[in-house]
Protein backbone atom coordinates (compact mmCIF):
# COMPACT_ATOMS: atom_id res chain seq x y z
CA UNK A 1 -11.97 -21.14 -32.51
CA UNK A 2 -10.27 -17.13 -32.41
CA UNK A 3 -6.83 -17.53 -31.89
CA UNK A 4 -5.39 -16.48 -28.95
CA UNK A 5 -2.99 -13.06 -29.22
CA UNK A 6 -1.74 -13.60 -25.69
CA UNK A 7 -1.67 -17.87 -25.33
CA UNK A 8 1.92 -18.67 -25.31
CA UNK A 9 5.44 -17.50 -22.92
CA UNK A 10 6.17 -15.69 -26.30
CA UNK A 11 3.50 -13.73 -26.70
CA UNK A 12 3.45 -12.93 -22.83
CA UNK A 13 7.06 -11.64 -22.64
CA UNK A 14 6.08 -9.02 -25.96
CA UNK A 15 2.99 -7.82 -23.96
CA UNK A 16 4.98 -7.27 -20.56
CA UNK A 17 7.24 -5.63 -22.86
CA UNK A 18 5.01 -3.23 -24.39
CA UNK A 19 3.22 -2.40 -21.40
CA UNK A 20 6.27 -1.74 -19.41
CA UNK A 21 7.25 0.33 -22.12
CA UNK A 22 4.32 2.33 -21.04
CA UNK A 23 6.07 4.82 -18.61
CA UNK A 24 3.48 4.90 -15.59
CA UNK A 25 5.41 6.89 -12.31
CA UNK A 26 3.38 7.73 -9.39
CA UNK A 27 1.72 10.98 -9.58
CA UNK A 28 3.25 11.38 -13.86
CA UNK A 29 1.05 12.23 -16.43
CA UNK A 30 2.36 8.26 -17.55
CA UNK A 31 0.51 6.95 -14.79
CA UNK A 32 -2.96 9.10 -15.96
CA UNK A 33 -2.48 8.16 -19.38
CA UNK A 34 -1.90 4.71 -18.78
CA UNK A 35 -5.40 3.41 -18.62
CA UNK A 36 -6.44 5.08 -21.42
CA UNK A 37 -3.16 2.72 -23.25
CA UNK A 38 -4.62 -0.45 -21.80
CA UNK A 39 -8.67 -0.10 -22.75
CA UNK A 40 -7.27 0.07 -26.42
CA UNK A 41 -5.59 -2.21 -25.89
CA UNK A 42 -7.94 -4.73 -24.69
CA UNK A 43 -10.63 -2.96 -27.03
CA UNK A 44 -8.44 -5.03 -29.72
CA UNK A 45 -10.22 -8.72 -28.19
CA UNK A 46 -13.36 -10.01 -30.10
CA UNK A 47 -15.31 -10.03 -26.74
CA UNK A 48 -14.99 -6.45 -25.84
CA UNK A 49 -15.59 -5.53 -29.54
CA UNK A 50 -18.73 -6.88 -28.67
CA UNK A 51 -19.32 -5.92 -25.64
CA UNK A 52 -17.85 -1.89 -25.04
CA UNK A 53 -19.85 -1.31 -21.65
CA UNK A 54 -17.68 -4.24 -20.39
CA UNK A 55 -14.47 -1.70 -20.42
CA UNK A 56 -14.69 1.19 -17.80
CA UNK A 57 -12.54 3.92 -16.74
CA UNK A 58 -13.46 5.49 -13.54
CA UNK A 59 -11.99 8.03 -11.29
CA UNK A 60 -9.82 7.81 -8.93
CA UNK A 61 -8.12 11.59 -8.29
CA UNK A 62 -5.59 13.94 -8.98
CA UNK A 63 -6.65 12.68 -13.28
CA UNK A 64 -6.24 9.81 -12.59
CA UNK A 65 -8.25 6.49 -13.87
CA UNK A 66 -8.63 2.72 -12.59
CA UNK A 67 -10.28 0.51 -15.50
CA UNK A 68 -12.29 -2.22 -15.04
CA UNK A 69 -13.07 -5.27 -18.09
CA UNK A 70 -15.73 -7.42 -17.33
CA UNK A 71 -16.18 -11.08 -19.05
CA UNK A 72 -19.84 -11.83 -18.05
CA UNK A 73 -20.64 -15.34 -18.91
CA UNK A 74 -24.48 -15.69 -19.99
CA UNK A 75 -25.34 -17.69 -17.49
CA UNK A 76 -23.35 -16.90 -13.97
CA UNK A 77 -23.62 -15.06 -11.15
CA UNK A 78 -19.75 -16.16 -9.60
CA UNK A 79 -17.33 -13.81 -9.83
CA UNK A 80 -13.39 -13.54 -9.08
CA UNK A 81 -11.92 -10.40 -9.08
CA UNK A 82 -9.12 -10.04 -10.86
CA UNK A 83 -6.26 -7.19 -9.17
CA UNK A 84 -3.60 -5.10 -9.58
CA UNK A 85 -2.12 -1.63 -9.97
CA UNK A 86 -0.16 -0.20 -13.23
CA UNK A 87 1.55 2.89 -11.35
CA UNK A 88 5.26 2.03 -10.43
CA UNK A 89 8.05 4.17 -8.25
CA UNK A 90 10.71 6.23 -9.77
CA UNK A 91 13.99 5.45 -11.47
CA UNK A 92 16.57 7.86 -10.88
CA UNK A 93 18.35 5.12 -9.02
CA UNK A 94 19.23 3.88 -12.89
CA UNK A 95 21.51 6.12 -13.31
CA UNK A 96 22.87 7.13 -16.96
CA UNK A 97 21.24 4.40 -18.35
CA UNK A 98 17.52 5.11 -16.67
CA UNK A 99 16.32 5.91 -20.56
CA UNK A 100 16.54 2.25 -20.54
CA UNK A 101 14.52 1.28 -17.20
CA UNK A 102 11.12 0.76 -18.87
CA UNK A 103 12.76 -0.92 -21.99
CA UNK A 104 12.84 -4.38 -20.49
CA UNK A 105 15.00 -6.33 -23.49
CA UNK A 106 17.28 -3.65 -24.10
CA UNK A 107 17.87 -3.24 -20.54
CA UNK A 108 19.05 -6.41 -19.69
CA UNK A 109 21.14 -6.81 -22.71
CA UNK A 110 22.96 -3.81 -21.91
CA UNK A 111 23.55 -4.67 -18.01
CA UNK A 112 25.53 -7.33 -19.28
CA UNK A 113 28.26 -4.92 -20.40
CA UNK A 114 27.83 -3.50 -16.59
CA UNK A 115 27.79 -6.66 -14.70
CA UNK A 116 30.59 -4.97 -12.37
CA UNK A 117 28.06 -3.05 -11.34
CA UNK A 118 25.62 -5.76 -10.43
CA UNK A 119 24.96 -7.06 -6.65
CA UNK A 120 26.62 -10.70 -7.31
CA UNK A 121 23.06 -12.32 -6.56
CA UNK A 122 21.97 -9.64 -9.00
CA UNK A 123 24.93 -10.57 -11.37
CA UNK A 124 24.54 -14.27 -10.95
CA UNK A 125 20.43 -14.11 -11.73
CA UNK A 126 21.23 -11.82 -15.31
CA UNK A 127 24.20 -14.39 -16.45
CA UNK A 128 21.88 -17.01 -15.79
CA UNK A 129 19.27 -15.63 -18.56
CA UNK A 130 16.18 -16.35 -16.25
CA UNK A 131 15.52 -12.99 -15.58
CA UNK A 132 13.75 -9.68 -17.17
CA UNK A 133 15.04 -6.59 -15.53
CA UNK A 134 13.27 -3.10 -15.62
CA UNK A 135 10.88 -1.09 -13.65
CA UNK A 136 7.79 -2.52 -13.12
CA UNK A 137 8.50 -5.66 -14.72
CA UNK A 138 8.12 -7.23 -11.05
CA UNK A 139 6.17 -4.66 -9.24
CA UNK A 140 3.54 -5.62 -11.12
CA UNK A 141 2.77 -5.17 -14.38
CA UNK A 142 4.02 -8.92 -15.27
CA UNK A 143 0.79 -9.30 -12.71
CA UNK A 144 -1.36 -6.70 -14.82
CA UNK A 145 -0.41 -8.97 -17.84
CA UNK A 146 -1.17 -12.30 -16.86
CA UNK A 147 -5.09 -10.71 -15.97
CA UNK A 148 -5.04 -9.82 -19.44
CA UNK A 149 -4.21 -13.41 -20.35
CA UNK A 150 -6.60 -14.90 -18.54
CA UNK A 151 -9.80 -12.33 -19.67
CA UNK A 152 -8.99 -13.12 -22.93
CA UNK A 153 -8.70 -16.54 -22.65
CA UNK A 154 -12.04 -17.06 -20.13
CA UNK A 155 -13.57 -15.20 -23.22
CA UNK A 156 -13.01 -17.35 -26.24
CA UNK A 157 -13.16 -20.24 -24.26
CA UNK A 158 -16.35 -19.36 -22.76
CA UNK A 159 -15.49 -20.05 -18.88
CA UNK A 160 -18.30 -20.77 -16.59
CA UNK A 161 -17.54 -18.33 -14.21
CA UNK A 162 -17.34 -13.87 -14.45
CA UNK A 163 -13.73 -12.55 -14.56
CA UNK A 164 -13.08 -8.26 -13.26
CA UNK A 165 -9.98 -7.24 -14.92
CA UNK A 166 -9.44 -4.38 -11.98
CA UNK A 167 -5.78 -2.53 -12.31
CA UNK A 168 -5.92 1.11 -10.25
CA UNK A 169 -3.16 3.27 -10.11
CA UNK A 170 -1.22 4.99 -6.90
CA UNK A 171 -0.92 1.87 -4.56
CA UNK A 172 2.64 2.53 -4.56
CA UNK A 173 1.70 6.01 -2.05
CA UNK A 174 -1.86 6.14 -1.27
CA UNK A 175 -3.96 2.87 -2.85
CA UNK A 176 -6.34 5.73 -3.72
CA UNK A 177 -7.38 3.82 -6.98
CA UNK A 178 -8.54 0.67 -4.76
CA UNK A 179 -9.62 2.60 -2.51
CA UNK A 180 -11.65 4.56 -5.28
CA UNK A 181 -12.75 1.27 -7.13
CA UNK A 182 -14.55 -0.08 -4.09
CA UNK A 183 -17.85 1.84 -4.69
CA UNK A 184 -17.24 0.59 -8.26
CA UNK A 185 -16.96 -3.45 -7.97
CA UNK A 186 -20.21 -2.59 -5.60
CA UNK A 187 -21.81 -0.86 -8.65
CA UNK A 188 -20.63 -4.33 -10.72
CA UNK A 189 -21.54 -6.38 -8.80
CA UNK A 190 -25.76 -5.59 -8.69
CA UNK A 191 -25.97 -4.19 -12.06
CA UNK A 192 -24.91 -7.63 -13.05
CA UNK A 193 -26.42 -9.76 -10.33
CA UNK A 194 -22.55 -10.64 -9.16
CA UNK A 195 -21.68 -12.80 -6.65
CA UNK A 196 -17.99 -12.10 -5.08
CA UNK A 197 -16.19 -15.40 -4.91
CA UNK A 198 -12.65 -14.24 -4.71
CA UNK A 199 -10.17 -11.67 -4.79
CA UNK A 200 -7.67 -12.81 -6.60
CA UNK A 201 -4.12 -10.48 -6.52
CA UNK A 202 -1.71 -10.49 -8.68
CA UNK A 203 1.88 -9.04 -6.78
CA UNK A 204 5.19 -10.54 -6.90
CA UNK A 205 6.17 -13.43 -4.58
CA UNK A 206 9.21 -12.30 -3.12
CA UNK A 207 12.20 -13.73 -1.20
CA UNK A 208 11.70 -13.48 2.62
CA UNK A 209 15.45 -13.82 2.65
CA UNK A 210 18.68 -13.59 0.65
CA UNK A 211 18.91 -16.28 -2.16
CA UNK A 212 15.47 -17.57 -1.07
CA UNK A 213 14.15 -19.15 -4.00
CA UNK A 214 11.18 -20.70 -2.78
CA UNK A 215 7.66 -19.91 -4.22
CA UNK A 216 4.88 -18.81 -2.21
CA UNK A 217 1.19 -18.03 -2.51
CA UNK A 218 -0.32 -15.51 0.00
CA UNK A 219 -4.09 -16.01 2.01
CA UNK A 220 -3.79 -12.65 3.27
CA UNK A 221 -1.81 -9.27 3.38
CA UNK A 222 -0.20 -7.56 6.52
CA UNK A 223 -1.62 -4.44 7.25
CA UNK A 224 0.28 -0.98 7.63
CA UNK A 225 -1.05 1.87 10.28
CA UNK A 226 1.40 5.29 10.50
CA UNK A 227 0.66 6.28 14.52
CA UNK A 228 2.12 10.06 14.08
CA UNK A 229 2.76 12.90 16.59
CA UNK A 230 3.26 17.00 15.96
CA UNK A 231 5.05 17.56 19.17
CA UNK A 232 5.16 21.87 20.39
CA UNK A 233 7.61 23.55 23.02
CA UNK A 234 7.93 26.47 24.19
CA UNK A 235 10.05 28.85 22.13
CA UNK A 236 13.28 30.70 23.05
CA UNK A 237 16.02 32.46 22.59
CA UNK A 238 19.41 30.32 22.84
CA UNK A 239 20.83 31.95 24.53
CA UNK A 240 18.40 31.44 27.59
CA UNK A 241 18.51 27.89 26.20
CA UNK A 242 16.73 26.99 29.72
CA UNK A 243 13.76 28.96 29.27
CA UNK A 244 11.84 27.22 26.90
CA UNK A 245 11.70 23.30 25.90
CA UNK A 246 12.83 22.30 21.88
CA UNK A 247 10.29 20.25 20.23
CA UNK A 248 13.51 17.80 18.77
CA UNK A 249 14.60 17.20 22.40
CA UNK A 250 10.83 16.22 23.12
CA UNK A 251 10.24 14.15 20.05
CA UNK A 252 13.53 12.37 20.58
CA UNK A 253 12.02 10.48 23.61
CA UNK A 254 8.82 9.45 21.74
CA UNK A 255 11.53 8.34 18.88
CA UNK A 256 13.31 5.83 21.19
CA UNK A 257 10.46 4.52 22.72
CA UNK A 258 8.52 4.09 19.11
CA UNK A 259 11.62 2.47 17.25
CA UNK A 260 11.38 -1.15 17.69
CA UNK A 261 9.01 -1.70 20.11
CA UNK A 262 7.78 -5.27 20.52
CA UNK A 263 4.39 -4.07 21.88
CA UNK A 264 3.43 -3.28 18.56
CA UNK A 265 4.85 -6.15 16.92
CA UNK A 266 2.32 -9.22 16.46
CA UNK A 267 2.33 -12.80 16.01
CA UNK A 268 -0.29 -14.87 14.27
CA UNK A 269 0.15 -18.22 12.55
CA UNK A 270 3.52 -18.40 13.80
CA UNK A 271 4.45 -15.00 11.52
CA UNK A 272 5.43 -11.77 13.04
CA UNK A 273 5.40 -8.10 11.77
CA UNK A 274 8.42 -6.09 11.55
CA UNK A 275 8.89 -3.85 14.32
CA UNK A 276 7.91 -0.13 14.54
CA UNK A 277 10.59 1.72 12.65
CA UNK A 278 10.62 5.37 12.28
CA UNK A 279 9.65 6.85 8.69
CA UNK A 280 10.58 10.68 9.33
CA UNK A 281 10.91 13.50 11.96
CA UNK A 282 11.41 16.44 11.36
CA UNK A 283 11.41 20.87 12.75
CA UNK A 284 8.48 22.50 11.45
CA UNK A 285 10.70 25.41 11.59
CA UNK A 286 11.04 26.78 7.90
CA UNK A 287 13.84 29.21 8.18
CA UNK A 288 17.18 29.62 10.21
CA UNK A 289 16.99 31.83 12.90
CA UNK A 290 18.51 32.40 16.51
CA UNK A 291 14.73 30.88 18.14
CA UNK A 292 14.77 27.75 18.93
CA UNK A 293 12.69 24.90 17.19
CA UNK A 294 9.47 24.39 19.15
CA UNK A 295 7.53 22.63 16.70
CA UNK A 296 8.12 19.16 15.06
CA UNK A 297 6.96 16.04 13.83
CA UNK A 298 7.54 12.20 13.51
CA UNK A 299 6.23 9.55 11.87
CA UNK A 300 6.17 6.25 12.62
CA UNK A 301 5.35 2.89 10.61
CA UNK A 302 3.38 0.51 12.38
CA UNK A 303 2.34 -3.05 10.73
CA UNK A 304 -0.90 -5.26 11.63
CA UNK A 305 -2.24 -8.77 11.74
CA UNK A 306 -5.27 -8.46 13.68
CA UNK A 307 -5.36 -5.57 15.66
CA UNK A 308 -6.78 -2.22 14.33
CA UNK A 309 -6.28 1.53 14.21
CA UNK A 310 -8.01 1.97 17.89
CA UNK A 311 -6.04 -1.11 19.41
CA UNK A 312 -3.25 0.44 18.25
CA UNK A 313 -4.00 3.74 18.67
CA UNK A 314 -4.39 2.87 22.96
CA UNK A 315 -0.89 1.08 22.62
CA UNK A 316 0.85 4.32 21.06
CA UNK A 317 -0.76 6.29 23.50
CA UNK A 318 0.65 4.67 26.55
CA UNK A 319 3.83 4.27 24.75
CA UNK A 320 3.91 8.10 24.37
CA UNK A 321 2.49 8.47 28.46
CA UNK A 322 5.38 6.41 29.13
CA UNK A 323 7.95 9.06 26.85
CA UNK A 324 6.36 12.47 28.28
CA UNK A 325 7.23 10.84 31.69
CA UNK A 326 11.15 10.57 30.67
CA UNK A 327 11.27 13.63 29.34
CA UNK A 328 10.11 15.85 32.04
CA UNK A 329 11.87 13.73 34.71
CA UNK A 330 14.85 14.44 32.37
CA UNK A 331 13.91 18.01 31.88
CA UNK A 332 13.61 18.59 35.47
CA UNK A 333 16.48 16.94 36.28
CA UNK A 334 18.36 19.66 33.79
CA UNK A 335 16.54 22.54 35.27
CA UNK A 336 17.46 21.87 38.87
CA UNK A 337 20.72 21.88 38.37
CA UNK A 338 20.82 25.03 36.53
CA UNK A 339 18.96 26.45 39.06
CA UNK A 340 16.06 27.16 36.59
CA UNK A 341 12.52 26.67 36.90
CA UNK A 342 10.83 24.58 34.60
CA UNK A 343 8.23 26.13 31.90
CA UNK A 344 5.74 23.55 31.99
CA UNK A 345 5.12 19.74 31.78
CA UNK A 346 4.64 18.21 28.64
CA UNK A 347 1.14 16.41 28.19
CA UNK A 348 -0.17 14.12 25.94
CA UNK A 349 -3.21 14.24 24.22
CA UNK A 350 -4.75 12.69 21.22
CA UNK A 351 -6.03 14.79 17.88
CA UNK A 352 -9.57 14.55 18.41
CA UNK A 353 -8.61 16.29 22.14
CA UNK A 354 -7.21 18.97 20.62
CA UNK A 355 -9.98 19.26 17.91
CA UNK A 356 -12.78 19.61 20.18
CA UNK A 357 -10.71 22.17 22.57
CA UNK A 358 -10.31 24.30 19.99
CA UNK A 359 -13.65 24.11 18.37
CA UNK A 360 -14.48 24.69 21.57
CA UNK A 361 -12.41 27.89 22.10
CA UNK A 362 -12.07 29.51 18.92
CA UNK A 363 -15.02 28.13 17.19
CA UNK A 364 -16.37 25.87 14.35
CA UNK A 365 -16.43 28.12 12.17
CA UNK A 366 -12.93 29.35 12.42
CA UNK A 367 -11.75 25.75 13.07
CA UNK A 368 -12.49 24.69 9.58
CA UNK A 369 -11.35 28.08 7.50
CA UNK A 370 -7.73 26.80 9.05
CA UNK A 371 -8.24 23.28 7.76
CA UNK A 372 -9.82 24.51 4.36
CA UNK A 373 -6.61 27.20 3.95
CA UNK A 374 -4.26 23.97 4.72
CA UNK A 375 -5.87 21.42 2.53
CA UNK A 376 -5.43 24.29 0.08
CA UNK A 377 -1.72 23.40 -0.49
CA UNK A 378 -0.96 21.64 -3.19
CA UNK A 379 2.53 21.52 -2.41
CA UNK A 380 2.01 19.13 0.61
CA UNK A 381 0.83 15.87 0.61
CA UNK A 382 -1.18 14.59 3.37
CA UNK A 383 1.27 13.48 5.24
CA UNK A 384 2.15 16.89 5.43
CA UNK A 385 -1.43 18.41 5.78
CA UNK A 386 -2.32 16.47 8.90
CA UNK A 387 1.05 18.13 10.58
CA UNK A 388 0.07 21.17 9.28
CA UNK A 389 -3.31 21.29 10.74
CA UNK A 390 -2.63 19.93 14.17
CA UNK A 391 0.08 22.73 14.09
CA UNK A 392 -2.19 25.91 13.49
CA UNK A 393 -4.57 24.33 15.78
CA UNK A 394 -2.26 23.90 18.88
CA UNK A 395 -0.86 26.98 17.86
CA UNK A 396 -4.49 28.56 18.62
CA UNK A 397 -4.43 26.69 22.24
CA UNK A 398 -0.98 26.99 24.08
CA UNK A 399 -2.30 26.93 26.95
CA UNK A 400 -1.92 23.42 26.21
CA UNK A 401 1.37 23.15 25.50
CA UNK A 402 4.42 21.84 25.57
CA UNK A 403 3.06 18.64 24.43
CA UNK A 404 2.90 15.67 21.81
CA UNK A 405 -0.39 15.83 19.43
CA UNK A 406 -0.75 11.83 18.47
CA UNK A 407 -3.14 11.29 15.44
CA UNK A 408 -2.91 9.32 12.64
CA UNK A 409 -1.28 10.28 9.19
CA UNK A 410 -2.65 8.60 5.81
CA UNK A 411 -2.46 5.65 4.53
CA UNK A 412 -3.77 3.06 6.45
CA UNK A 413 -4.17 -0.55 4.90
CA UNK A 414 -5.86 -2.81 7.37
CA UNK A 415 -4.59 -6.46 7.64
CA UNK A 416 -6.57 -9.11 5.57
CA UNK A 417 -6.33 -12.97 6.17
CA UNK A 418 -8.52 -16.00 4.76
CA UNK A 419 -6.45 -18.86 5.74
CA UNK A 420 -9.24 -20.34 6.81
CA UNK A 421 -11.60 -19.80 4.03
CA UNK A 422 -12.33 -23.61 2.78
CA UNK A 423 -12.33 -22.36 -0.48
CA UNK A 424 -8.53 -20.30 -0.45
CA UNK A 425 -7.30 -23.87 1.47
CA UNK A 426 -8.58 -25.75 -2.21
CA UNK A 427 -7.23 -22.93 -3.81
CA UNK A 428 -3.36 -23.53 -2.67
CA UNK A 429 -4.18 -27.44 -2.56
CA UNK A 430 -4.50 -26.89 -6.26
CA UNK A 431 -1.70 -24.14 -6.85
CA UNK A 432 1.13 -26.98 -4.65
CA UNK A 433 0.00 -30.62 -5.92
CA UNK A 434 -0.32 -29.05 -9.77
CA UNK A 435 3.17 -26.99 -9.00
CA UNK A 436 4.82 -29.44 -8.24
CA UNK A 437 3.61 -31.71 -10.67
CA UNK A 438 3.56 -29.93 -13.44
CA UNK A 439 6.62 -27.77 -12.58
CA UNK A 440 8.67 -29.48 -10.03
CA UNK A 441 7.95 -26.15 -8.18
CA UNK A 442 7.63 -26.55 -4.48
CA UNK A 443 5.04 -24.48 -2.98
CA UNK A 444 4.70 -22.87 0.05
CA UNK A 445 1.59 -20.98 2.05
CA UNK A 446 2.27 -17.45 4.08
CA UNK A 447 -0.45 -15.91 5.44
CA UNK A 448 -0.13 -12.47 5.40
CA UNK A 449 1.77 -10.87 2.15
CA UNK A 450 4.92 -9.10 3.58
CA UNK A 451 4.82 -6.26 0.57
CA UNK A 452 1.49 -4.47 1.16
CA UNK A 453 -1.09 -4.57 -1.40
CA UNK A 454 -4.56 -3.36 -2.41
CA UNK A 455 -6.13 -6.91 -1.00
CA UNK A 456 -6.85 -4.58 2.10
CA UNK A 457 -9.28 -2.70 1.11
CA UNK A 458 -11.90 -5.65 0.24
CA UNK A 459 -13.47 -8.46 2.68
CA UNK A 460 -12.65 -5.59 5.71
CA UNK A 461 -13.63 -7.37 8.96
CA UNK A 462 -14.34 -5.26 11.55
CA UNK A 463 -16.18 -6.92 15.04
CA UNK A 464 -16.33 -3.56 16.94
CA UNK A 465 -16.07 0.00 15.52
CA UNK A 466 -11.89 -0.50 15.72
CA UNK A 467 -11.46 1.55 12.59
CA UNK A 468 -13.34 4.91 14.53
CA UNK A 469 -10.49 6.14 16.06
CA UNK A 470 -8.35 6.16 12.38
CA UNK A 471 -11.28 8.23 11.43
CA UNK A 472 -11.29 10.98 14.53
CA UNK A 473 -7.41 11.19 14.75
CA UNK A 474 -6.61 11.68 10.73
CA UNK A 475 -7.03 15.74 10.18
CA UNK A 476 -7.15 15.22 6.40
CA UNK A 477 -10.11 12.76 6.61
CA UNK A 478 -13.43 12.99 4.65
CA UNK A 479 -10.83 15.63 2.90
CA UNK A 480 -8.51 14.62 0.95
CA UNK A 481 -7.69 11.12 2.44
CA UNK A 482 -11.09 8.46 3.32
CA UNK A 483 -11.51 5.23 3.35
CA UNK A 484 -14.66 3.17 2.41
CA UNK A 485 -14.85 1.14 5.62
CA UNK A 486 -18.77 0.13 5.00
CA UNK A 487 -18.02 -0.50 1.49
CA UNK A 488 -15.70 -3.22 1.99
CA UNK A 489 -17.28 -4.54 4.21
CA UNK A 490 -19.98 -5.42 1.56
CA UNK A 491 -17.29 -6.87 -0.77
CA UNK A 492 -17.37 -9.95 1.05
CA UNK A 493 -15.35 -12.75 -0.65
CA UNK A 494 -11.80 -14.53 0.35
CA UNK A 495 -8.90 -12.97 -0.61
CA UNK A 496 -5.55 -14.70 -1.96
CA UNK A 497 -2.17 -13.38 -4.18
CA UNK A 498 -0.47 -15.27 -6.78
CA UNK A 499 1.99 -13.79 -8.70
CA UNK A 500 5.19 -14.70 -10.76
CA UNK A 501 8.54 -14.38 -8.95
CA UNK A 502 11.17 -11.68 -8.63
CA UNK A 503 13.65 -9.90 -7.14
CA UNK A 504 14.47 -6.66 -6.12
CA UNK A 505 10.90 -4.54 -6.73
CA UNK A 506 11.75 -0.61 -6.40
CA UNK A 507 15.74 -1.40 -6.82
CA UNK A 508 17.88 -0.40 -10.03
CA UNK A 509 17.58 -4.55 -10.24
CA UNK A 510 14.19 -5.08 -10.12
CA UNK A 511 13.87 -8.26 -11.75
CA UNK A 512 11.29 -10.73 -12.89
CA UNK A 513 11.94 -14.45 -13.35
CA UNK A 514 10.80 -15.83 -16.98
CA UNK A 515 9.79 -19.16 -17.02
CA UNK A 516 7.94 -18.42 -13.15
CA UNK A 517 5.90 -14.78 -15.28
CA UNK A 518 5.05 -17.07 -18.88
CA UNK A 519 5.09 -20.27 -17.78
CA UNK A 520 4.72 -21.43 -14.24
CA UNK A 521 2.30 -18.95 -12.41
CA UNK A 522 -0.03 -18.54 -15.86
CA UNK A 523 -1.40 -21.95 -16.22
CA UNK A 524 -1.21 -22.65 -12.06
CA UNK A 525 -3.83 -19.65 -12.17
CA UNK A 526 -6.06 -21.09 -14.70
CA UNK A 527 -5.78 -24.22 -13.65
CA UNK A 528 -7.14 -22.81 -10.04
CA UNK A 529 -10.12 -21.33 -11.54
CA UNK A 530 -10.96 -23.56 -13.73
CA UNK A 531 -10.31 -25.91 -10.87
CA UNK A 532 -12.89 -23.99 -8.81
CA UNK A 533 -15.44 -23.94 -12.00
CA UNK A 534 -15.73 -27.89 -12.02
CA UNK A 535 -15.83 -29.37 -8.52
CA UNK A 536 -18.13 -25.95 -8.02
CA UNK A 537 -15.54 -25.59 -4.89
CA UNK A 538 -17.06 -22.25 -2.92
CA UNK A 539 -18.75 -21.96 -5.78
C-alpha cells in the first residue's frame, strides 16, 4: 500500500506550518495565489495523478478562486462534503513581529522571549507547550489540513464513500467563495451522480467563556444579517440650526432603540443569540463646512436562529417607527421652546418603497444609471455602495425627507440547524463516545456554531418566501452581491462542524491546541466517517 504523506501528527504539523506560510489575507494577492499552491500540493497524491480532472479551480470573484478535490469510489454515490476556508484576517496587531505571524514554529519559539507581552491565559498556554501560535493556525487552516489528510487516506484505503474537499476564499468578509461554490456542488452532483449525505465543516472550537477548555461539536450555525439605515435630514447653516434637522440627531434615536434590543434576540434549544449591536454609524459628509450634516448611515448586527430576513425587517421597521416617533416628539419640544416651526416629521420607509417612488418620479433608466455609476466605484465595498445608492435616490426625492430609509447591507448568513437529524445524532454520539474512550475527552454538543461559517449556504430551509425582503431591500442585490437561495435548497443534506480546539481567533495570540489538532480530532472524524459507512447510517 502507498505510504501516507500526512498520516501522523508530525506530518500534519509540518503540513499545517507549510499551508499557514502561504499568506492568504482576505482581498490580497496571497488569497488569489493560495488555491493554486494548494492544487499543486494535492496533485502530488497518486489519486489525483491518476484522476487530474477530479481536482479543479473555479472562479469566485475579484480574481479569486475556490478549489474542489473529489475522491470518487467507483461503486459509491453517497458523498460527504468537507468544507473549509483558506482566507485569514490581517496581521497588523502583531506589531514588530508581524513577519513571523505566518511562521508558527518560529513565532511560538520567539514568544517565549515576549512572555510579558502576553495576556495571562496565552502565557500559560505557551509555557504548557501544548499550543502552536500563528495566524490561521486556528481559523481555519488546520481544518483544511485535516480534510487534506482525510482525502489522502480515503483514496489510498479506498473508502466506499465519496469525499469532496471544498475550500473557499472570502469567508471572513462576504463569503463570495462559498456562495459561488453552491452551483459547483450541484454540477458535481449531476456530473458524477452523487448523493450528498453530510456537509462537514472543520471550523475550530471556540471557548464559550474565558478559561473554557471543553470540546464542542456543532450541529448548526448561527445566522447573521445587517439591517441598516440611511438617515436624511434637512440641511441648514449652523447659525440657524433649527431651520433644519441633522442626520446624526435622527440616527441617534434609532441606534439607541436598536442597540441591545431584546426584540431581536432569539432563544432556541436553550441557546441565545447575542443582542444586536451597532457595527458602524457615520456621517456621509466627506468634507468640513458650516452646512449641517444632513445624511448619515448606520449598520446594525443581528444574529439569527429561526427568524428569516422578512421577519427581521418587520421587527426592524417597528423599532424604527418607535424611534422616529421619539425623535419627532423630542424635536417638536425643542422647536416649541425656541418658538420655531418644525421642518417636518421624520418618516420611515423601506428601500423598496424609495426605489418604487424614485422610479415613478425620474424613470427606470435614470435609476439604473445612478446605480451603475455607484457600482462602478471600486474603492467602495458592498456596504458603502448600498448606502450611496439609497442616498443618491433620496436626493432625487427630497419630498420624502426627513426620513429613515431602512435597507439590508451584505453579507447575510442564514442560520442552519440539523440538531434533529438522525445521521447527525449518530455522528455526535460517536464522537462523544470515542472522545471519552480514546482520549478521555468530554465532548459537548452546541446547536448553533457561534462564529459564523460557510455552512449557512447549504441546506437552506424556508417554508415561504422569507428571503424576499432581503432581495427587495438590498440596493446592490443582483449586481455586486447575491445569494443562490434556490441552489442552497437543493443542497439538501444535514450539516455538522467538527474542528480542532483553539483560542483567540483574529487576535495576535491566535493558537491551536496541538493534541486536539494533530491527534484527537483527525482520529474522531476519520472514525465517524467510517462508522457512517460501516453501519450505513443515513447512507
